[in-house]
């Protein structure tokens, strides 16, 4: 039996709700061709079913048809990530409960998808974070969110303890759920609030620090150096680089870090392209070693 393409199912379901006209033909041509599907949720692109031409057709009937076509129970539409807390802009179109659990690499992440973001494109970096930690290490995650990188380090890695800094209450709720669900709450301390207040209390304790904030974690560079042990340590610095010139971003990042830290040497250990961030821009992570000057 031939499998029906989801976009074809979507066109059939939506087409049945539209009256036959030149306008309906044009609307069907505007149907989204990509969406994110997980658990029983489909997240549509931010421009899906928008515009004045769609206004008279949007409603429970349309969202029910979309849900049936995509074989889900709940439907949302992406919006802008906004504010200093990087809050999700997802609009709930069908369904009342926005709590979802995603299982990835043997780890359960629970969160409210209208309040917190989860990038499926970061899957390889989350897996890598579960592999890089060493036995007995103490880790500080300065922008931990729902535990994107802290949970893999605790569940899949051998680190002794993670100090997770986060100021979004919804993300903290999700992080604490994930720590308990995955059985690692005893190896993590959650520091709620602004990391400019909480991180200075962690001075000199970390073997490695994660700076996983986009588009730039530069405001956390000084905090990261203070958290590292005086002997040596590793930084994982995330950022956004021109897609065709990663070298320039690496050079600028190293220069910015060296302007802050004068007493220790900073060297590139590795760099990784995580995913496309926007047209002509890539999400990169730079692994750096920090050690006393020779």
C-alpha atoms as a PDB file:
ATOM      1  CA  UNK A   1       0.000   0.000   0.000  1.00  0.00           C
ATOM      2  CA  UNK A   2       1.434   3.387  -0.975  1.00  0.00           C
ATOM      3  CA  UNK A   3       2.098   5.748   1.905  1.00  0.00           C
ATOM      4  CA  UNK A   4       0.340   9.110   1.578  1.00  0.00           C
ATOM      5  CA  UNK A   5       2.607  12.148   1.882  1.00  0.00           C
ATOM      6  CA  UNK A   6       1.714  14.280   4.980  1.00  0.00           C
ATOM      7  CA  UNK A   7       1.631  17.446   2.878  1.00  0.00           C
ATOM      8  CA  UNK A   8      -0.855  15.772   0.534  1.00  0.00           C
ATOM      9  CA  UNK A   9      -3.025  14.805   3.526  1.00  0.00           C
ATOM     10  CA  UNK A  10      -2.827  18.380   4.784  1.00  0.00           C
ATOM     11  CA  UNK A  11      -3.875  19.777   1.399  1.00  0.00           C
ATOM     12  CA  UNK A  12      -6.818  17.386   1.204  1.00  0.00           C
ATOM     13  CA  UNK A  13      -7.997  18.134   4.753  1.00  0.00           C
ATOM     14  CA  UNK A  14      -7.727  21.909   4.421  1.00  0.00           C
ATOM     15  CA  UNK A  15      -9.053  21.906   0.873  1.00  0.00           C
ATOM     16  CA  UNK A  16     -12.245  20.227   2.074  1.00  0.00           C
ATOM     17  CA  UNK A  17     -12.906  23.263   4.290  1.00  0.00           C
ATOM     18  CA  UNK A  18     -12.393  25.857   1.560  1.00  0.00           C
ATOM     19  CA  UNK A  19     -14.893  26.727  -1.094  1.00  0.00           C
ATOM     20  CA  UNK A  20     -13.700  26.067  -4.620  1.00  0.00           C
ATOM     21  CA  UNK A  21     -12.424  29.353  -5.989  1.00  0.00           C
ATOM     22  CA  UNK A  22      -9.284  30.976  -7.278  1.00  0.00           C
ATOM     23  CA  UNK A  23      -8.683  32.193  -3.724  1.00  0.00           C
ATOM     24  CA  UNK A  24      -8.824  28.650  -2.327  1.00  0.00           C
ATOM     25  CA  UNK A  25      -6.305  27.456  -4.910  1.00  0.00           C
ATOM     26  CA  UNK A  26      -3.924  30.228  -3.859  1.00  0.00           C
ATOM     27  CA  UNK A  27      -4.402  29.433  -0.180  1.00  0.00           C
ATOM     28  CA  UNK A  28      -3.606  25.775  -0.738  1.00  0.00           C
ATOM     29  CA  UNK A  29      -0.389  26.838  -2.445  1.00  0.00           C
ATOM     30  CA  UNK A  30       0.547  28.669   0.763  1.00  0.00           C
ATOM     31  CA  UNK A  31       0.247  25.590   2.982  1.00  0.00           C
ATOM     32  CA  UNK A  32       3.378  24.902   5.050  1.00  0.00           C
ATOM     33  CA  UNK A  33       5.669  22.213   3.691  1.00  0.00           C
ATOM     34  CA  UNK A  34       7.671  21.837   6.873  1.00  0.00           C
ATOM     35  CA  UNK A  35       6.744  21.582  10.527  1.00  0.00           C
ATOM     36  CA  UNK A  36       8.179  20.064  13.672  1.00  0.00           C
ATOM     37  CA  UNK A  37       6.427  17.000  15.028  1.00  0.00           C
ATOM     38  CA  UNK A  38       7.114  15.416  18.433  1.00  0.00           C
ATOM     39  CA  UNK A  39       5.032  13.408  20.900  1.00  0.00           C
ATOM     40  CA  UNK A  40       1.439  14.343  19.969  1.00  0.00           C
ATOM     41  CA  UNK A  41       2.332  17.901  18.917  1.00  0.00           C
ATOM     42  CA  UNK A  42       2.890  19.608  15.559  1.00  0.00           C
ATOM     43  CA  UNK A  43       4.580  23.021  15.589  1.00  0.00           C
ATOM     44  CA  UNK A  44       3.859  25.016  12.444  1.00  0.00           C
ATOM     45  CA  UNK A  45       6.112  27.767  11.038  1.00  0.00           C
ATOM     46  CA  UNK A  46       5.375  31.275  12.284  1.00  0.00           C
ATOM     47  CA  UNK A  47       3.890  32.334   8.922  1.00  0.00           C
ATOM     48  CA  UNK A  48       1.588  29.304   8.524  1.00  0.00           C
ATOM     49  CA  UNK A  49      -2.121  30.159   8.032  1.00  0.00           C
ATOM     50  CA  UNK A  50      -1.513  33.869   8.568  1.00  0.00           C
ATOM     51  CA  UNK A  51      -2.522  36.862   6.501  1.00  0.00           C
ATOM     52  CA  UNK A  52      -5.861  38.462   5.756  1.00  0.00           C
ATOM     53  CA  UNK A  53      -6.895  35.782   3.245  1.00  0.00           C
ATOM     54  CA  UNK A  54      -6.807  33.131   5.969  1.00  0.00           C
ATOM     55  CA  UNK A  55      -8.654  35.184   8.600  1.00  0.00           C
ATOM     56  CA  UNK A  56     -12.151  33.981   7.659  1.00  0.00           C
ATOM     57  CA  UNK A  57     -11.067  30.327   7.665  1.00  0.00           C
ATOM     58  CA  UNK A  58      -9.054  30.047  10.883  1.00  0.00           C
ATOM     59  CA  UNK A  59     -10.798  28.474  13.842  1.00  0.00           C
ATOM     60  CA  UNK A  60     -11.456  25.153  15.539  1.00  0.00           C
ATOM     61  CA  UNK A  61     -12.482  23.453  12.302  1.00  0.00           C
ATOM     62  CA  UNK A  62      -9.235  24.310  10.536  1.00  0.00           C
ATOM     63  CA  UNK A  63      -7.039  23.297  13.469  1.00  0.00           C
ATOM     64  CA  UNK A  64      -8.926  20.018  13.855  1.00  0.00           C
ATOM     65  CA  UNK A  65      -8.340  19.280  10.175  1.00  0.00           C
ATOM     66  CA  UNK A  66      -4.647  20.117  10.487  1.00  0.00           C
ATOM     67  CA  UNK A  67      -4.298  17.904  13.562  1.00  0.00           C
ATOM     68  CA  UNK A  68      -5.977  14.953  11.847  1.00  0.00           C
ATOM     69  CA  UNK A  69      -3.885  15.356   8.702  1.00  0.00           C
ATOM     70  CA  UNK A  70      -0.635  15.460  10.671  1.00  0.00           C
ATOM     71  CA  UNK A  71      -1.709  12.667  13.051  1.00  0.00           C
ATOM     72  CA  UNK A  72      -1.365  14.750  16.240  1.00  0.00           C
ATOM     73  CA  UNK A  73      -3.621  15.902  19.064  1.00  0.00           C
ATOM     74  CA  UNK A  74      -2.157  19.351  19.653  1.00  0.00           C
ATOM     75  CA  UNK A  75      -1.120  22.078  17.212  1.00  0.00           C
ATOM     76  CA  UNK A  76       1.007  25.156  17.862  1.00  0.00           C
ATOM     77  CA  UNK A  77       2.528  27.902  15.754  1.00  0.00           C
ATOM     78  CA  UNK A  78       6.047  29.188  16.256  1.00  0.00           C
ATOM     79  CA  UNK A  79       6.655  32.824  17.124  1.00  0.00           C
ATOM     80  CA  UNK A  80       9.664  34.939  17.950  1.00  0.00           C
ATOM     81  CA  UNK A  81      11.983  34.000  20.803  1.00  0.00           C
ATOM     82  CA  UNK A  82      11.759  37.116  22.932  1.00  0.00           C
ATOM     83  CA  UNK A  83      13.248  38.865  25.918  1.00  0.00           C
ATOM     84  CA  UNK A  84      16.394  38.366  27.949  1.00  0.00           C
ATOM     85  CA  UNK A  85      14.953  35.113  29.241  1.00  0.00           C
ATOM     86  CA  UNK A  86      14.717  33.690  25.693  1.00  0.00           C
ATOM     87  CA  UNK A  87      11.040  32.857  26.144  1.00  0.00           C
ATOM     88  CA  UNK A  88       9.198  30.825  23.527  1.00  0.00           C
ATOM     89  CA  UNK A  89       6.623  32.590  21.386  1.00  0.00           C
ATOM     90  CA  UNK A  90       4.615  29.477  20.495  1.00  0.00           C
ATOM     91  CA  UNK A  91       0.891  30.085  20.052  1.00  0.00           C
ATOM     92  CA  UNK A  92      -1.407  27.216  21.030  1.00  0.00           C
ATOM     93  CA  UNK A  93      -3.908  26.582  18.220  1.00  0.00           C
ATOM     94  CA  UNK A  94      -5.439  23.265  19.284  1.00  0.00           C
ATOM     95  CA  UNK A  95      -5.317  21.740  22.746  1.00  0.00           C
ATOM     96  CA  UNK A  96      -5.252  23.120  26.269  1.00  0.00           C
ATOM     97  CA  UNK A  97      -2.227  21.492  27.902  1.00  0.00           C
ATOM     98  CA  UNK A  98       1.186  22.753  26.743  1.00  0.00           C
ATOM     99  CA  UNK A  99       3.275  20.303  28.823  1.00  0.00           C
ATOM    100  CA  UNK A 100       5.220  17.854  26.665  1.00  0.00           C
ATOM    101  CA  UNK A 101       7.895  15.216  27.233  1.00  0.00           C
ATOM    102  CA  UNK A 102      10.545  14.574  24.606  1.00  0.00           C
ATOM    103  CA  UNK A 103      12.810  11.537  24.906  1.00  0.00           C
ATOM    104  CA  UNK A 104      16.210  11.883  23.255  1.00  0.00           C
ATOM    105  CA  UNK A 105      19.309   9.704  23.639  1.00  0.00           C
ATOM    106  CA  UNK A 106      17.679   7.963  26.593  1.00  0.00           C
ATOM    107  CA  UNK A 107      16.941  11.243  28.407  1.00  0.00           C
ATOM    108  CA  UNK A 108      13.488  12.664  29.158  1.00  0.00           C
ATOM    109  CA  UNK A 109      13.052  16.419  28.772  1.00  0.00           C
ATOM    110  CA  UNK A 110       9.769  17.840  30.032  1.00  0.00           C
ATOM    111  CA  UNK A 111       8.735  21.451  29.421  1.00  0.00           C
ATOM    112  CA  UNK A 112       5.897  23.792  28.482  1.00  0.00           C
ATOM    113  CA  UNK A 113       6.326  24.328  24.769  1.00  0.00           C
ATOM    114  CA  UNK A 114       4.520  27.682  24.804  1.00  0.00           C
ATOM    115  CA  UNK A 115       6.979  28.965  27.424  1.00  0.00           C
ATOM    116  CA  UNK A 116      10.313  27.239  26.740  1.00  0.00           C
ATOM    117  CA  UNK A 117      12.160  26.455  23.538  1.00  0.00           C
ATOM    118  CA  UNK A 118      13.710  23.175  22.472  1.00  0.00           C
ATOM    119  CA  UNK A 119      15.909  23.056  19.380  1.00  0.00           C
ATOM    120  CA  UNK A 120      15.780  19.667  17.676  1.00  0.00           C
ATOM    121  CA  UNK A 121      18.799  20.749  15.634  1.00  0.00           C
ATOM    122  CA  UNK A 122      21.016  20.679  18.731  1.00  0.00           C
ATOM    123  CA  UNK A 123      20.647  16.908  19.163  1.00  0.00           C
ATOM    124  CA  UNK A 124      24.277  16.083  18.319  1.00  0.00           C
ATOM    125  CA  UNK A 125      25.619  18.713  20.711  1.00  0.00           C
ATOM    126  CA  UNK A 126      23.408  17.398  23.509  1.00  0.00           C
ATOM    127  CA  UNK A 127      24.746  13.914  22.800  1.00  0.00           C
ATOM    128  CA  UNK A 128      28.333  15.227  22.777  1.00  0.00           C
ATOM    129  CA  UNK A 129      27.872  16.902  26.137  1.00  0.00           C
ATOM    130  CA  UNK A 130      27.038  13.488  27.536  1.00  0.00           C
ATOM    131  CA  UNK A 131      30.436  12.272  26.340  1.00  0.00           C
ATOM    132  CA  UNK A 132      32.930  15.040  27.140  1.00  0.00           C
ATOM    133  CA  UNK A 133      32.653  15.206  30.928  1.00  0.00           C
ATOM    134  CA  UNK A 134      35.250  13.361  32.973  1.00  0.00           C
ATOM    135  CA  UNK A 135      34.785  11.359  36.160  1.00  0.00           C
ATOM    136  CA  UNK A 136      34.757  13.536  39.257  1.00  0.00           C
ATOM    137  CA  UNK A 137      34.395  16.855  37.430  1.00  0.00           C
ATOM    138  CA  UNK A 138      32.363  19.797  38.669  1.00  0.00           C
ATOM    139  CA  UNK A 139      30.500  21.657  35.915  1.00  0.00           C
ATOM    140  CA  UNK A 140      28.851  25.094  35.916  1.00  0.00           C
ATOM    141  CA  UNK A 141      26.140  25.611  33.282  1.00  0.00           C
ATOM    142  CA  UNK A 142      25.652  29.379  33.198  1.00  0.00           C
ATOM    143  CA  UNK A 143      22.564  29.424  30.954  1.00  0.00           C
ATOM    144  CA  UNK A 144      21.095  25.974  31.531  1.00  0.00           C
ATOM    145  CA  UNK A 145      17.475  26.433  30.385  1.00  0.00           C
ATOM    146  CA  UNK A 146      15.540  23.192  30.827  1.00  0.00           C
ATOM    147  CA  UNK A 147      18.784  21.231  31.097  1.00  0.00           C
ATOM    148  CA  UNK A 148      19.689  20.886  27.425  1.00  0.00           C
ATOM    149  CA  UNK A 149      23.352  20.189  28.258  1.00  0.00           C
ATOM    150  CA  UNK A 150      23.252  19.634  32.017  1.00  0.00           C
ATOM    151  CA  UNK A 151      21.005  16.573  31.757  1.00  0.00           C
ATOM    152  CA  UNK A 152      23.196  14.727  29.220  1.00  0.00           C
ATOM    153  CA  UNK A 153      26.280  15.396  31.363  1.00  0.00           C
ATOM    154  CA  UNK A 154      24.531  13.984  34.412  1.00  0.00           C
ATOM    155  CA  UNK A 155      22.694  11.069  32.804  1.00  0.00           C
ATOM    156  CA  UNK A 156      25.183   9.909  30.174  1.00  0.00           C
ATOM    157  CA  UNK A 157      28.421  11.325  31.563  1.00  0.00           C
ATOM    158  CA  UNK A 158      30.540  10.717  34.624  1.00  0.00           C
ATOM    159  CA  UNK A 159      30.684  14.221  36.105  1.00  0.00           C
ATOM    160  CA  UNK A 160      30.355  14.461  39.856  1.00  0.00           C
ATOM    161  CA  UNK A 161      28.144  17.545  40.068  1.00  0.00           C
ATOM    162  CA  UNK A 162      26.527  20.230  37.926  1.00  0.00           C
ATOM    163  CA  UNK A 163      25.670  23.719  39.123  1.00  0.00           C
ATOM    164  CA  UNK A 164      22.823  24.886  36.867  1.00  0.00           C
ATOM    165  CA  UNK A 165      22.109  28.624  36.623  1.00  0.00           C
ATOM    166  CA  UNK A 166      18.753  29.775  35.226  1.00  0.00           C
ATOM    167  CA  UNK A 167      16.418  32.718  35.745  1.00  0.00           C
ATOM    168  CA  UNK A 168      13.311  31.757  33.777  1.00  0.00           C
ATOM    169  CA  UNK A 169      10.824  30.223  36.280  1.00  0.00           C
ATOM    170  CA  UNK A 170       9.216  28.062  33.576  1.00  0.00           C
ATOM    171  CA  UNK A 171      12.622  26.666  32.568  1.00  0.00           C
ATOM    172  CA  UNK A 172      13.478  25.996  36.215  1.00  0.00           C
ATOM    173  CA  UNK A 173      10.216  24.060  36.622  1.00  0.00           C
ATOM    174  CA  UNK A 174      11.141  21.964  33.580  1.00  0.00           C
ATOM    175  CA  UNK A 175      14.749  21.481  34.728  1.00  0.00           C
ATOM    176  CA  UNK A 176      13.736  20.274  38.174  1.00  0.00           C
ATOM    177  CA  UNK A 177      11.221  17.873  36.614  1.00  0.00           C
ATOM    178  CA  UNK A 178      13.931  16.514  34.302  1.00  0.00           C
ATOM    179  CA  UNK A 179      16.422  16.064  37.130  1.00  0.00           C
ATOM    180  CA  UNK A 180      13.925  14.023  39.152  1.00  0.00           C
ATOM    181  CA  UNK A 181      12.565  12.079  36.167  1.00  0.00           C
ATOM    182  CA  UNK A 182      16.051  11.019  35.087  1.00  0.00           C
ATOM    183  CA  UNK A 183      17.180  10.209  38.628  1.00  0.00           C
ATOM    184  CA  UNK A 184      20.040  12.722  38.853  1.00  0.00           C
ATOM    185  CA  UNK A 185      18.638  15.417  41.147  1.00  0.00           C
ATOM    186  CA  UNK A 186      21.150  14.534  43.883  1.00  0.00           C
ATOM    187  CA  UNK A 187      24.055  15.514  41.602  1.00  0.00           C
ATOM    188  CA  UNK A 188      22.747  18.914  40.546  1.00  0.00           C
ATOM    189  CA  UNK A 189      22.285  22.191  42.368  1.00  0.00           C
ATOM    190  CA  UNK A 190      19.882  24.635  40.723  1.00  0.00           C
ATOM    191  CA  UNK A 191      20.741  28.300  41.179  1.00  0.00           C
ATOM    192  CA  UNK A 192      17.577  30.256  40.430  1.00  0.00           C
ATOM    193  CA  UNK A 193      17.842  33.879  39.430  1.00  0.00           C
ATOM    194  CA  UNK A 194      20.208  36.173  37.564  1.00  0.00           C
ATOM    195  CA  UNK A 195      23.576  34.433  37.122  1.00  0.00           C
ATOM    196  CA  UNK A 196      25.293  37.785  37.697  1.00  0.00           C
ATOM    197  CA  UNK A 197      24.130  37.297  41.294  1.00  0.00           C
ATOM    198  CA  UNK A 198      24.295  33.503  41.653  1.00  0.00           C
ATOM    199  CA  UNK A 199      27.461  32.593  39.714  1.00  0.00           C
ATOM    200  CA  UNK A 200      29.901  34.646  41.850  1.00  0.00           C
ATOM    201  CA  UNK A 201      29.058  32.242  44.696  1.00  0.00           C
ATOM    202  CA  UNK A 202      30.609  29.459  42.597  1.00  0.00           C
ATOM    203  CA  UNK A 203      34.059  31.032  42.392  1.00  0.00           C
ATOM    204  CA  UNK A 204      36.894  28.620  41.688  1.00  0.00           C
ATOM    205  CA  UNK A 205      34.903  25.365  41.792  1.00  0.00           C
ATOM    206  CA  UNK A 206      34.470  24.352  38.124  1.00  0.00           C
ATOM    207  CA  UNK A 207      36.471  22.039  35.922  1.00  0.00           C
ATOM    208  CA  UNK A 208      34.391  23.193  32.956  1.00  0.00           C
ATOM    209  CA  UNK A 209      31.816  25.876  32.245  1.00  0.00           C
ATOM    210  CA  UNK A 210      29.085  25.831  29.595  1.00  0.00           C
ATOM    211  CA  UNK A 211      28.092  29.150  27.997  1.00  0.00           C
ATOM    212  CA  UNK A 212      25.136  28.034  25.894  1.00  0.00           C
ATOM    213  CA  UNK A 213      23.411  31.341  25.183  1.00  0.00           C
ATOM    214  CA  UNK A 214      22.587  32.590  21.675  1.00  0.00           C
ATOM    215  CA  UNK A 215      23.229  34.754  19.791  1.00  0.00           C
ATOM    216  CA  UNK A 216      26.106  35.539  22.172  1.00  0.00           C
ATOM    217  CA  UNK A 217      27.204  34.486  25.653  1.00  0.00           C
ATOM    218  CA  UNK A 218      29.724  37.334  25.919  1.00  0.00           C
ATOM    219  CA  UNK A 219      28.077  38.796  29.018  1.00  0.00           C
ATOM    220  CA  UNK A 220      28.975  35.559  30.816  1.00  0.00           C
ATOM    221  CA  UNK A 221      32.680  35.429  29.929  1.00  0.00           C
ATOM    222  CA  UNK A 222      33.889  37.077  33.137  1.00  0.00           C
ATOM    223  CA  UNK A 223      31.602  34.908  35.257  1.00  0.00           C
ATOM    224  CA  UNK A 224      32.915  31.785  33.524  1.00  0.00           C
ATOM    225  CA  UNK A 225      36.553  32.610  34.265  1.00  0.00           C
ATOM    226  CA  UNK A 226      35.717  33.276  37.918  1.00  0.00           C
ATOM    227  CA  UNK A 227      33.948  29.911  38.199  1.00  0.00           C
ATOM    228  CA  UNK A 228      36.899  27.935  36.791  1.00  0.00           C
ATOM    229  CA  UNK A 229      39.454  26.406  39.117  1.00  0.00           C
ATOM    230  CA  UNK A 230      42.737  28.303  39.288  1.00  0.00           C
ATOM    231  CA  UNK A 231      44.680  25.317  37.941  1.00  0.00           C
ATOM    232  CA  UNK A 232      42.999  24.672  34.589  1.00  0.00           C
ATOM    233  CA  UNK A 233      39.620  24.182  32.987  1.00  0.00           C
ATOM    234  CA  UNK A 234      37.520  24.019  29.855  1.00  0.00           C
ATOM    235  CA  UNK A 235      34.972  26.454  28.407  1.00  0.00           C
ATOM    236  CA  UNK A 236      32.236  25.511  25.935  1.00  0.00           C
ATOM    237  CA  UNK A 237      31.342  28.817  24.260  1.00  0.00           C
ATOM    238  CA  UNK A 238      28.309  29.019  21.967  1.00  0.00           C
ATOM    239  CA  UNK A 239      27.738  31.766  19.436  1.00  0.00           C
ATOM    240  CA  UNK A 240      26.610  32.772  15.971  1.00  0.00           C
ATOM    241  CA  UNK A 241      29.157  32.940  13.153  1.00  0.00           C
ATOM    242  CA  UNK A 242      29.069  33.940   9.489  1.00  0.00           C
ATOM    243  CA  UNK A 243      28.434  30.666   7.679  1.00  0.00           C
ATOM    244  CA  UNK A 244      31.361  31.149   5.305  1.00  0.00           C
ATOM    245  CA  UNK A 245      33.823  32.555   7.814  1.00  0.00           C
ATOM    246  CA  UNK A 246      33.987  30.579  11.022  1.00  0.00           C
ATOM    247  CA  UNK A 247      37.603  31.629  11.520  1.00  0.00           C
ATOM    248  CA  UNK A 248      36.660  35.273  12.037  1.00  0.00           C
ATOM    249  CA  UNK A 249      34.146  34.410  14.761  1.00  0.00           C
ATOM    250  CA  UNK A 250      36.668  32.167  16.516  1.00  0.00           C
ATOM    251  CA  UNK A 251      39.302  34.924  16.371  1.00  0.00           C
ATOM    252  CA  UNK A 252      36.884  37.557  17.682  1.00  0.00           C
ATOM    253  CA  UNK A 253      35.720  35.258  20.484  1.00  0.00           C
ATOM    254  CA  UNK A 254      39.270  34.479  21.575  1.00  0.00           C
ATOM    255  CA  UNK A 255      40.154  38.165  21.473  1.00  0.00           C
ATOM    256  CA  UNK A 256      37.143  39.063  23.634  1.00  0.00           C
ATOM    257  CA  UNK A 257      38.000  36.365  26.163  1.00  0.00           C
ATOM    258  CA  UNK A 258      41.678  37.395  26.323  1.00  0.00           C
ATOM    259  CA  UNK A 259      40.697  40.996  27.019  1.00  0.00           C
ATOM    260  CA  UNK A 260      39.028  39.714  30.199  1.00  0.00           C
ATOM    261  CA  UNK A 261      41.497  37.029  31.290  1.00  0.00           C
ATOM    262  CA  UNK A 262      45.131  38.201  31.406  1.00  0.00           C
ATOM    263  CA  UNK A 263      46.763  35.776  33.822  1.00  0.00           C
ATOM    264  CA  UNK A 264      45.954  32.503  32.073  1.00  0.00           C
ATOM    265  CA  UNK A 265      46.430  31.132  28.574  1.00  0.00           C
ATOM    266  CA  UNK A 266      43.382  30.351  26.418  1.00  0.00           C
ATOM    267  CA  UNK A 267      43.722  27.864  23.578  1.00  0.00           C
ATOM    268  CA  UNK A 268      41.303  26.409  21.061  1.00  0.00           C
ATOM    269  CA  UNK A 269      40.631  22.745  21.693  1.00  0.00           C
ATOM    270  CA  UNK A 270      37.933  22.154  19.050  1.00  0.00           C
ATOM    271  CA  UNK A 271      35.094  23.863  17.213  1.00  0.00           C
ATOM    272  CA  UNK A 272      31.793  22.416  16.069  1.00  0.00           C
ATOM    273  CA  UNK A 273      29.063  23.606  13.750  1.00  0.00           C
ATOM    274  CA  UNK A 274      25.759  22.814  15.436  1.00  0.00           C
ATOM    275  CA  UNK A 275      23.257  23.937  12.820  1.00  0.00           C
ATOM    276  CA  UNK A 276      22.173  26.815  10.620  1.00  0.00           C
ATOM    277  CA  UNK A 277      20.988  29.691  12.817  1.00  0.00           C
ATOM    278  CA  UNK A 278      19.641  31.957  10.079  1.00  0.00           C
ATOM    279  CA  UNK A 279      20.382  32.493   6.380  1.00  0.00           C
ATOM    280  CA  UNK A 280      24.171  32.873   6.066  1.00  0.00           C
ATOM    281  CA  UNK A 281      24.721  32.360   9.812  1.00  0.00           C
ATOM    282  CA  UNK A 282      25.727  29.234  11.745  1.00  0.00           C
ATOM    283  CA  UNK A 283      25.412  28.213  15.382  1.00  0.00           C
ATOM    284  CA  UNK A 284      28.901  27.179  16.540  1.00  0.00           C
ATOM    285  CA  UNK A 285      30.397  25.984  19.800  1.00  0.00           C
ATOM    286  CA  UNK A 286      34.035  26.580  20.638  1.00  0.00           C
ATOM    287  CA  UNK A 287      35.790  24.322  23.149  1.00  0.00           C
ATOM    288  CA  UNK A 288      38.668  26.118  24.877  1.00  0.00           C
ATOM    289  CA  UNK A 289      41.299  25.139  27.410  1.00  0.00           C
ATOM    290  CA  UNK A 290      42.220  27.654  30.083  1.00  0.00           C
ATOM    291  CA  UNK A 291      45.448  27.079  32.041  1.00  0.00           C
ATOM    292  CA  UNK A 292      48.079  29.054  33.921  1.00  0.00           C
ATOM    293  CA  UNK A 293      50.535  30.960  31.760  1.00  0.00           C
ATOM    294  CA  UNK A 294      53.796  29.109  31.296  1.00  0.00           C
END
